[in-house]
Amino acid sequence: MPSVQRLVLDVLKPHQPNALEFARAIAALGESYRVDIQVIEVDEQTETLRVAIEGDGLDFERISDSISEIGASLHSIDEVSVVGK
């Protein structure tokens, strides 16, 4: 079955949790997950993030659910890398 190795997501989140806490929460979802966050825009109540996640067999549904649980919104999948097995 093909395996997702990289995702780049456009995410809108409130100021809290901060970007570091947000990255840690996503990284904790998998042993090999690496999370890079770039803050694109900041307004009074929210931040727009570019979230790049790399790892073996990324679980998109679990990542998406975690983003929602944190109080953020997934706007789009901007990049994806899938490897066939």
PDB file of N, CA and C in Angstrom:
ATOM      1  N   MET A   1       0.845  -1.182   0.000  1.00  0.00           N
ATOM      2  CA  MET A   1       0.000   0.000   0.000  1.00  0.00           C
ATOM      3  C   MET A   1       0.885   1.237   0.000  1.00  0.00           C
ATOM      4  N   PRO A   2       0.556   2.270  -0.785  1.00  0.00           N
ATOM      5  CA  PRO A   2       1.348   3.508  -0.794  1.00  0.00           C
ATOM      6  C   PRO A   2       1.396   4.159   0.589  1.00  0.00           C
ATOM      7  N   SER A   3       2.526   4.787   0.872  1.00  0.00           N
ATOM      8  CA  SER A   3       2.764   5.393   2.179  1.00  0.00           C
ATOM      9  C   SER A   3       3.035   6.888   2.023  1.00  0.00           C
ATOM     10  N   VAL A   4       2.343   7.707   2.818  1.00  0.00           N
ATOM     11  CA  VAL A   4       2.552   9.156   2.796  1.00  0.00           C
ATOM     12  C   VAL A   4       3.830   9.460   3.570  1.00  0.00           C
ATOM     13  N   GLN A   5       4.775  10.148   2.910  1.00  0.00           N
ATOM     14  CA  GLN A   5       6.069  10.465   3.509  1.00  0.00           C
ATOM     15  C   GLN A   5       6.213  11.946   3.872  1.00  0.00           C
ATOM     16  N   ARG A   6       5.447  12.809   3.190  1.00  0.00           N
ATOM     17  CA  ARG A   6       5.569  14.248   3.429  1.00  0.00           C
ATOM     18  C   ARG A   6       4.238  14.921   3.150  1.00  0.00           C
ATOM     19  N   LEU A   7       3.865  15.838   4.040  1.00  0.00           N
ATOM     20  CA  LEU A   7       2.689  16.684   3.864  1.00  0.00           C
ATOM     21  C   LEU A   7       3.077  18.121   4.152  1.00  0.00           C
ATOM     22  N   VAL A   8       2.570  19.032   3.347  1.00  0.00           N
ATOM     23  CA  VAL A   8       2.698  20.457   3.640  1.00  0.00           C
ATOM     24  C   VAL A   8       1.279  20.994   3.712  1.00  0.00           C
ATOM     25  N   LEU A   9       0.930  21.541   4.875  1.00  0.00           N
ATOM     26  CA  LEU A   9      -0.432  21.962   5.152  1.00  0.00           C
ATOM     27  C   LEU A   9      -0.515  23.454   5.418  1.00  0.00           C
ATOM     28  N   ASP A  10      -1.614  24.054   5.000  1.00  0.00           N
ATOM     29  CA  ASP A  10      -1.944  25.440   5.317  1.00  0.00           C
ATOM     30  C   ASP A  10      -2.924  25.375   6.485  1.00  0.00           C
ATOM     31  N   VAL A  11      -2.515  25.925   7.633  1.00  0.00           N
ATOM     32  CA  VAL A  11      -3.306  25.804   8.859  1.00  0.00           C
ATOM     33  C   VAL A  11      -3.535  27.189   9.462  1.00  0.00           C
ATOM     34  N   LEU A  12      -4.760  27.418   9.927  1.00  0.00           N
ATOM     35  CA  LEU A  12      -5.102  28.628  10.673  1.00  0.00           C
ATOM     36  C   LEU A  12      -5.333  28.208  12.112  1.00  0.00           C
ATOM     37  N   LYS A  13      -4.615  28.838  13.051  1.00  0.00           N
ATOM     38  CA  LYS A  13      -4.757  28.471  14.460  1.00  0.00           C
ATOM     39  C   LYS A  13      -4.822  29.716  15.335  1.00  0.00           C
ATOM     40  N   PRO A  14      -5.419  29.582  16.518  1.00  0.00           N
ATOM     41  CA  PRO A  14      -5.367  30.688  17.480  1.00  0.00           C
ATOM     42  C   PRO A  14      -3.932  30.872  17.976  1.00  0.00           C
ATOM     43  N   HIS A  15      -3.656  31.990  18.631  1.00  0.00           N
ATOM     44  CA  HIS A  15      -2.296  32.251  19.120  1.00  0.00           C
ATOM     45  C   HIS A  15      -1.819  31.188  20.115  1.00  0.00           C
ATOM     46  N   GLN A  16      -2.734  30.613  20.867  1.00  0.00           N
ATOM     47  CA  GLN A  16      -2.378  29.553  21.811  1.00  0.00           C
ATOM     48  C   GLN A  16      -3.019  28.258  21.375  1.00  0.00           C
ATOM     49  N   PRO A  17      -2.314  27.173  21.311  1.00  0.00           N
ATOM     50  CA  PRO A  17      -0.921  27.020  21.701  1.00  0.00           C
ATOM     51  C   PRO A  17       0.011  27.712  20.712  1.00  0.00           C
ATOM     52  N   ASN A  18       1.212  28.040  21.177  1.00  0.00           N
ATOM     53  CA  ASN A  18       2.176  28.687  20.290  1.00  0.00           C
ATOM     54  C   ASN A  18       2.707  27.672  19.282  1.00  0.00           C
ATOM     55  N   ALA A  19       3.498  28.143  18.330  1.00  0.00           N
ATOM     56  CA  ALA A  19       3.982  27.288  17.242  1.00  0.00           C
ATOM     57  C   ALA A  19       4.807  26.108  17.758  1.00  0.00           C
ATOM     58  N   LEU A  20       5.601  26.314  18.794  1.00  0.00           N
ATOM     59  CA  LEU A  20       6.410  25.229  19.348  1.00  0.00           C
ATOM     60  C   LEU A  20       5.531  24.135  19.949  1.00  0.00           C
ATOM     61  N   GLU A  21       4.549  24.519  20.748  1.00  0.00           N
ATOM     62  CA  GLU A  21       3.641  23.545  21.344  1.00  0.00           C
ATOM     63  C   GLU A  21       2.833  22.820  20.269  1.00  0.00           C
ATOM     64  N   PHE A  22       2.420  23.556  19.240  1.00  0.00           N
ATOM     65  CA  PHE A  22       1.676  22.976  18.119  1.00  0.00           C
ATOM     66  C   PHE A  22       2.528  21.926  17.406  1.00  0.00           C
ATOM     67  N   ALA A  23       3.784  22.265  17.124  1.00  0.00           N
ATOM     68  CA  ALA A  23       4.696  21.335  16.453  1.00  0.00           C
ATOM     69  C   ALA A  23       4.929  20.083  17.300  1.00  0.00           C
ATOM     70  N   ARG A  24       5.106  20.258  18.587  1.00  0.00           N
ATOM     71  CA  ARG A  24       5.321  19.109  19.473  1.00  0.00           C
ATOM     72  C   ARG A  24       4.108  18.181  19.484  1.00  0.00           C
ATOM     73  N   ALA A  25       2.911  18.754  19.486  1.00  0.00           N
ATOM     74  CA  ALA A  25       1.691  17.945  19.499  1.00  0.00           C
ATOM     75  C   ALA A  25       1.582  17.102  18.231  1.00  0.00           C
ATOM     76  N   ILE A  26       1.926  17.665  17.092  1.00  0.00           N
ATOM     77  CA  ILE A  26       1.879  16.921  15.831  1.00  0.00           C
ATOM     78  C   ILE A  26       2.999  15.874  15.797  1.00  0.00           C
ATOM     79  N   ALA A  27       4.200  16.250  16.210  1.00  0.00           N
ATOM     80  CA  ALA A  27       5.336  15.319  16.196  1.00  0.00           C
ATOM     81  C   ALA A  27       5.092  14.119  17.102  1.00  0.00           C
ATOM     82  N   ALA A  28       4.350  14.304  18.173  1.00  0.00           N
ATOM     83  CA  ALA A  28       4.082  13.219  19.122  1.00  0.00           C
ATOM     84  C   ALA A  28       3.165  12.135  18.540  1.00  0.00           C
ATOM     85  N   LEU A  29       2.578  12.383  17.385  1.00  0.00           N
ATOM     86  CA  LEU A  29       1.653  11.424  16.775  1.00  0.00           C
ATOM     87  C   LEU A  29       2.361  10.214  16.163  1.00  0.00           C
ATOM     88  N   GLY A  30       3.653  10.347  15.877  1.00  0.00           N
ATOM     89  CA  GLY A  30       4.386   9.237  15.280  1.00  0.00           C
ATOM     90  C   GLY A  30       5.846   9.277  15.668  1.00  0.00           C
ATOM     91  N   GLU A  31       6.462   8.111  15.783  1.00  0.00           N
ATOM     92  CA  GLU A  31       7.858   8.032  16.217  1.00  0.00           C
ATOM     93  C   GLU A  31       8.818   8.758  15.291  1.00  0.00           C
ATOM     94  N   SER A  32       8.561   8.714  13.992  1.00  0.00           N
ATOM     95  CA  SER A  32       9.504   9.294  13.033  1.00  0.00           C
ATOM     96  C   SER A  32       9.047  10.648  12.491  1.00  0.00           C
ATOM     97  N   TYR A  33       7.996  11.229  13.065  1.00  0.00           N
ATOM     98  CA  TYR A  33       7.459  12.482  12.529  1.00  0.00           C
ATOM     99  C   TYR A  33       8.409  13.647  12.794  1.00  0.00           C
ATOM    100  N   ARG A  34       8.694  14.390  11.742  1.00  0.00           N
ATOM    101  CA  ARG A  34       9.465  15.630  11.847  1.00  0.00           C
ATOM    102  C   ARG A  34       8.533  16.749  11.401  1.00  0.00           C
ATOM    103  N   VAL A  35       8.436  17.801  12.211  1.00  0.00           N
ATOM    104  CA  VAL A  35       7.508  18.900  11.928  1.00  0.00           C
ATOM    105  C   VAL A  35       8.274  20.205  11.833  1.00  0.00           C
ATOM    106  N   ASP A  36       8.096  20.898  10.712  1.00  0.00           N
ATOM    107  CA  ASP A  36       8.661  22.231  10.511  1.00  0.00           C
ATOM    108  C   ASP A  36       7.506  23.197  10.316  1.00  0.00           C
ATOM    109  N   ILE A  37       7.534  24.305  11.045  1.00  0.00           N
ATOM    110  CA  ILE A  37       6.453  25.289  10.955  1.00  0.00           C
ATOM    111  C   ILE A  37       7.018  26.637  10.569  1.00  0.00           C
ATOM    112  N   GLN A  38       6.345  27.261   9.636  1.00  0.00           N
ATOM    113  CA  GLN A  38       6.657  28.632   9.244  1.00  0.00           C
ATOM    114  C   GLN A  38       5.394  29.460   9.483  1.00  0.00           C
ATOM    115  N   VAL A  39       5.524  30.533  10.270  1.00  0.00           N
ATOM    116  CA  VAL A  39       4.396  31.430  10.496  1.00  0.00           C
ATOM    117  C   VAL A  39       4.337  32.382   9.301  1.00  0.00           C
ATOM    118  N   ILE A  40       3.212  32.341   8.593  1.00  0.00           N
ATOM    119  CA  ILE A  40       3.042  33.118   7.371  1.00  0.00           C
ATOM    120  C   ILE A  40       2.408  34.477   7.656  1.00  0.00           C
ATOM    121  N   GLU A  41       1.405  34.481   8.545  1.00  0.00           N
ATOM    122  CA  GLU A  41       0.669  35.714   8.821  1.00  0.00           C
ATOM    123  C   GLU A  41       0.151  35.677  10.245  1.00  0.00           C
ATOM    124  N   VAL A  42       0.107  36.839  10.881  1.00  0.00           N
ATOM    125  CA  VAL A  42      -0.407  36.967  12.244  1.00  0.00           C
ATOM    126  C   VAL A  42      -1.413  38.108  12.260  1.00  0.00           C
ATOM    127  N   ASP A  43      -2.588  37.853  12.856  1.00  0.00           N
ATOM    128  CA  ASP A  43      -3.517  38.951  13.086  1.00  0.00           C
ATOM    129  C   ASP A  43      -3.872  38.984  14.570  1.00  0.00           C
ATOM    130  N   GLU A  44      -4.907  39.697  14.949  1.00  0.00           N
ATOM    131  CA  GLU A  44      -5.217  39.878  16.364  1.00  0.00           C
ATOM    132  C   GLU A  44      -5.499  38.577  17.101  1.00  0.00           C
ATOM    133  N   GLN A  45      -6.160  37.609  16.432  1.00  0.00           N
ATOM    134  CA  GLN A  45      -6.586  36.407  17.130  1.00  0.00           C
ATOM    135  C   GLN A  45      -6.021  35.109  16.562  1.00  0.00           C
ATOM    136  N   THR A  46      -5.458  35.148  15.356  1.00  0.00           N
ATOM    137  CA  THR A  46      -5.018  33.909  14.715  1.00  0.00           C
ATOM    138  C   THR A  46      -3.659  34.041  14.043  1.00  0.00           C
ATOM    139  N   GLU A  47      -3.107  32.878  13.683  1.00  0.00           N
ATOM    140  CA  GLU A  47      -1.863  32.786  12.922  1.00  0.00           C
ATOM    141  C   GLU A  47      -2.098  31.821  11.759  1.00  0.00           C
ATOM    142  N   THR A  48      -1.568  32.168  10.607  1.00  0.00           N
ATOM    143  CA  THR A  48      -1.581  31.271   9.467  1.00  0.00           C
ATOM    144  C   THR A  48      -0.218  30.593   9.406  1.00  0.00           C
ATOM    145  N   LEU A  49      -0.220  29.262   9.352  1.00  0.00           N
ATOM    146  CA  LEU A  49       1.012  28.486   9.382  1.00  0.00           C
ATOM    147  C   LEU A  49       1.176  27.652   8.116  1.00  0.00           C
ATOM    148  N   ARG A  50       2.419  27.466   7.734  1.00  0.00           N
ATOM    149  CA  ARG A  50       2.784  26.456   6.732  1.00  0.00           C
ATOM    150  C   ARG A  50       3.430  25.347   7.545  1.00  0.00           C
ATOM    151  N   VAL A  51       2.770  24.189   7.592  1.00  0.00           N
ATOM    152  CA  VAL A  51       3.206  23.079   8.425  1.00  0.00           C
ATOM    153  C   VAL A  51       3.709  21.954   7.521  1.00  0.00           C
ATOM    154  N   ALA A  52       4.996  21.671   7.584  1.00  0.00           N
ATOM    155  CA  ALA A  52       5.590  20.579   6.809  1.00  0.00           C
ATOM    156  C   ALA A  52       5.856  19.417   7.762  1.00  0.00           C
ATOM    157  N   ILE A  53       5.317  18.248   7.410  1.00  0.00           N
ATOM    158  CA  ILE A  53       5.456  17.058   8.246  1.00  0.00           C
ATOM    159  C   ILE A  53       6.085  15.962   7.400  1.00  0.00           C
ATOM    160  N   GLU A  54       7.151  15.369   7.910  1.00  0.00           N
ATOM    161  CA  GLU A  54       7.821  14.274   7.217  1.00  0.00           C
ATOM    162  C   GLU A  54       7.930  13.089   8.157  1.00  0.00           C
ATOM    163  N   GLY A  55       7.889  11.894   7.593  1.00  0.00           N
ATOM    164  CA  GLY A  55       8.039  10.688   8.393  1.00  0.00           C
ATOM    165  C   GLY A  55       7.603   9.476   7.609  1.00  0.00           C
ATOM    166  N   ASP A  56       7.769   8.324   8.211  1.00  0.00           N
ATOM    167  CA  ASP A  56       7.383   7.070   7.580  1.00  0.00           C
ATOM    168  C   ASP A  56       5.911   6.794   7.856  1.00  0.00           C
ATOM    169  N   GLY A  57       5.122   6.712   6.806  1.00  0.00           N
ATOM    170  CA  GLY A  57       3.716   6.355   6.958  1.00  0.00           C
ATOM    171  C   GLY A  57       2.903   7.363   7.730  1.00  0.00           C
ATOM    172  N   LEU A  58       2.919   8.630   7.305  1.00  0.00           N
ATOM    173  CA  LEU A  58       2.137   9.652   7.989  1.00  0.00           C
ATOM    174  C   LEU A  58       0.654   9.281   7.963  1.00  0.00           C
ATOM    175  N   ASP A  59      -0.004   9.465   9.081  1.00  0.00           N
ATOM    176  CA  ASP A  59      -1.434   9.167   9.212  1.00  0.00           C
ATOM    177  C   ASP A  59      -2.199  10.481   9.086  1.00  0.00           C
ATOM    178  N   PHE A  60      -2.647  10.777   7.860  1.00  0.00           N
ATOM    179  CA  PHE A  60      -3.295  12.065   7.611  1.00  0.00           C
ATOM    180  C   PHE A  60      -4.534  12.260   8.478  1.00  0.00           C
ATOM    181  N   GLU A  61      -5.353  11.242   8.622  1.00  0.00           N
ATOM    182  CA  GLU A  61      -6.581  11.376   9.414  1.00  0.00           C
ATOM    183  C   GLU A  61      -6.258  11.729  10.866  1.00  0.00           C
ATOM    184  N   ARG A  62      -5.269  11.072  11.413  1.00  0.00           N
ATOM    185  CA  ARG A  62      -4.870  11.341  12.801  1.00  0.00           C
ATOM    186  C   ARG A  62      -4.302  12.755  12.935  1.00  0.00           C
ATOM    187  N   ILE A  63      -3.508  13.170  11.957  1.00  0.00           N
ATOM    188  CA  ILE A  63      -2.945  14.526  11.958  1.00  0.00           C
ATOM    189  C   ILE A  63      -4.068  15.554  11.862  1.00  0.00           C
ATOM    190  N   SER A  64      -4.988  15.337  10.944  1.00  0.00           N
ATOM    191  CA  SER A  64      -6.113  16.253  10.754  1.00  0.00           C
ATOM    192  C   SER A  64      -6.962  16.350  12.023  1.00  0.00           C
ATOM    193  N   ASP A  65      -7.241  15.214  12.655  1.00  0.00           N
ATOM    194  CA  ASP A  65      -8.017  15.209  13.900  1.00  0.00           C
ATOM    195  C   ASP A  65      -7.298  15.964  15.004  1.00  0.00           C
ATOM    196  N   SER A  66      -5.982  15.784  15.099  1.00  0.00           N
ATOM    197  CA  SER A  66      -5.196  16.462  16.128  1.00  0.00           C
ATOM    198  C   SER A  66      -5.213  17.978  15.912  1.00  0.00           C
ATOM    199  N   ILE A  67      -5.104  18.402  14.665  1.00  0.00           N
ATOM    200  CA  ILE A  67      -5.162  19.835  14.354  1.00  0.00           C
ATOM    201  C   ILE A  67      -6.495  20.411  14.829  1.00  0.00           C
ATOM    202  N   SER A  68      -7.582  19.714  14.572  1.00  0.00           N
ATOM    203  CA  SER A  68      -8.904  20.171  15.010  1.00  0.00           C
ATOM    204  C   SER A  68      -9.018  20.205  16.528  1.00  0.00           C
ATOM    205  N   GLU A  69      -8.486  19.173  17.196  1.00  0.00           N
ATOM    206  CA  GLU A  69      -8.541  19.110  18.662  1.00  0.00           C
ATOM    207  C   GLU A  69      -7.784  20.261  19.315  1.00  0.00           C
ATOM    208  N   ILE A  70      -6.738  20.725  18.643  1.00  0.00           N
ATOM    209  CA  ILE A  70      -5.949  21.848  19.152  1.00  0.00           C
ATOM    210  C   ILE A  70      -6.709  23.165  18.985  1.00  0.00           C
ATOM    211  N   GLY A  71      -7.750  23.156  18.165  1.00  0.00           N
ATOM    212  CA  GLY A  71      -8.539  24.368  17.928  1.00  0.00           C
ATOM    213  C   GLY A  71      -8.170  25.083  16.646  1.00  0.00           C
ATOM    214  N   ALA A  72      -7.409  24.413  15.802  1.00  0.00           N
ATOM    215  CA  ALA A  72      -6.974  24.997  14.529  1.00  0.00           C
ATOM    216  C   ALA A  72      -7.814  24.440  13.385  1.00  0.00           C
ATOM    217  N   SER A  73      -7.663  25.066  12.210  1.00  0.00           N
ATOM    218  CA  SER A  73      -8.394  24.639  11.017  1.00  0.00           C
ATOM    219  C   SER A  73      -7.414  24.324   9.904  1.00  0.00           C
ATOM    220  N   LEU A  74      -7.589  23.175   9.282  1.00  0.00           N
ATOM    221  CA  LEU A  74      -6.795  22.790   8.123  1.00  0.00           C
ATOM    222  C   LEU A  74      -7.438  23.419   6.896  1.00  0.00           C
ATOM    223  N   HIS A  75      -6.728  24.355   6.254  1.00  0.00           N
ATOM    224  CA  HIS A  75      -7.270  25.031   5.072  1.00  0.00           C
ATOM    225  C   HIS A  75      -7.018  24.255   3.800  1.00  0.00           C
ATOM    226  N   SER A  76      -5.818  23.695   3.651  1.00  0.00           N
ATOM    227  CA  SER A  76      -5.519  22.963   2.427  1.00  0.00           C
ATOM    228  C   SER A  76      -4.285  22.087   2.602  1.00  0.00           C
ATOM    229  N   ILE A  77      -4.191  21.107   1.705  1.00  0.00           N
ATOM    230  CA  ILE A  77      -2.977  20.308   1.556  1.00  0.00           C
ATOM    231  C   ILE A  77      -2.229  20.939   0.388  1.00  0.00           C
ATOM    232  N   ASP A  78      -1.086  21.547   0.652  1.00  0.00           N
ATOM    233  CA  ASP A  78      -0.355  22.270  -0.383  1.00  0.00           C
ATOM    234  C   ASP A  78       0.674  21.401  -1.087  1.00  0.00           C
ATOM    235  N   GLU A  79       1.179  20.377  -0.415  1.00  0.00           N
ATOM    236  CA  GLU A  79       2.130  19.437  -1.034  1.00  0.00           C
ATOM    237  C   GLU A  79       1.913  18.080  -0.380  1.00  0.00           C
ATOM    238  N   VAL A  80       2.190  17.042  -1.174  1.00  0.00           N
ATOM    239  CA  VAL A  80       2.131  15.688  -0.628  1.00  0.00           C
ATOM    240  C   VAL A  80       3.146  14.820  -1.364  1.00  0.00           C
ATOM    241  N   SER A  81       3.787  13.924  -0.631  1.00  0.00           N
ATOM    242  CA  SER A  81       4.729  12.981  -1.224  1.00  0.00           C
ATOM    243  C   SER A  81       4.328  11.589  -0.745  1.00  0.00           C
ATOM    244  N   VAL A  82       4.075  10.700  -1.720  1.00  0.00           N
ATOM    245  CA  VAL A  82       3.630   9.347  -1.415  1.00  0.00           C
ATOM    246  C   VAL A  82       4.590   8.370  -2.098  1.00  0.00           C
ATOM    247  N   VAL A  83       4.978   7.325  -1.359  1.00  0.00           N
ATOM    248  CA  VAL A  83       5.871   6.302  -1.884  1.00  0.00           C
ATOM    249  C   VAL A  83       5.086   4.987  -1.977  1.00  0.00           C
ATOM    250  N   GLY A  84       5.162   4.330  -3.115  1.00  0.00           N
ATOM    251  CA  GLY A  84       4.513   3.042  -3.298  1.00  0.00           C
ATOM    252  C   GLY A  84       5.307   1.937  -2.629  1.00  0.00           C
ATOM    253  N   LYS A  85       4.614   0.926  -2.140  1.00  0.00           N
ATOM    254  CA  LYS A  85       5.290  -0.210  -1.493  1.00  0.00           C
ATOM    255  C   LYS A  85       4.845  -1.491  -2.128  1.00  0.00           C
TER     256      LYS A  85
END
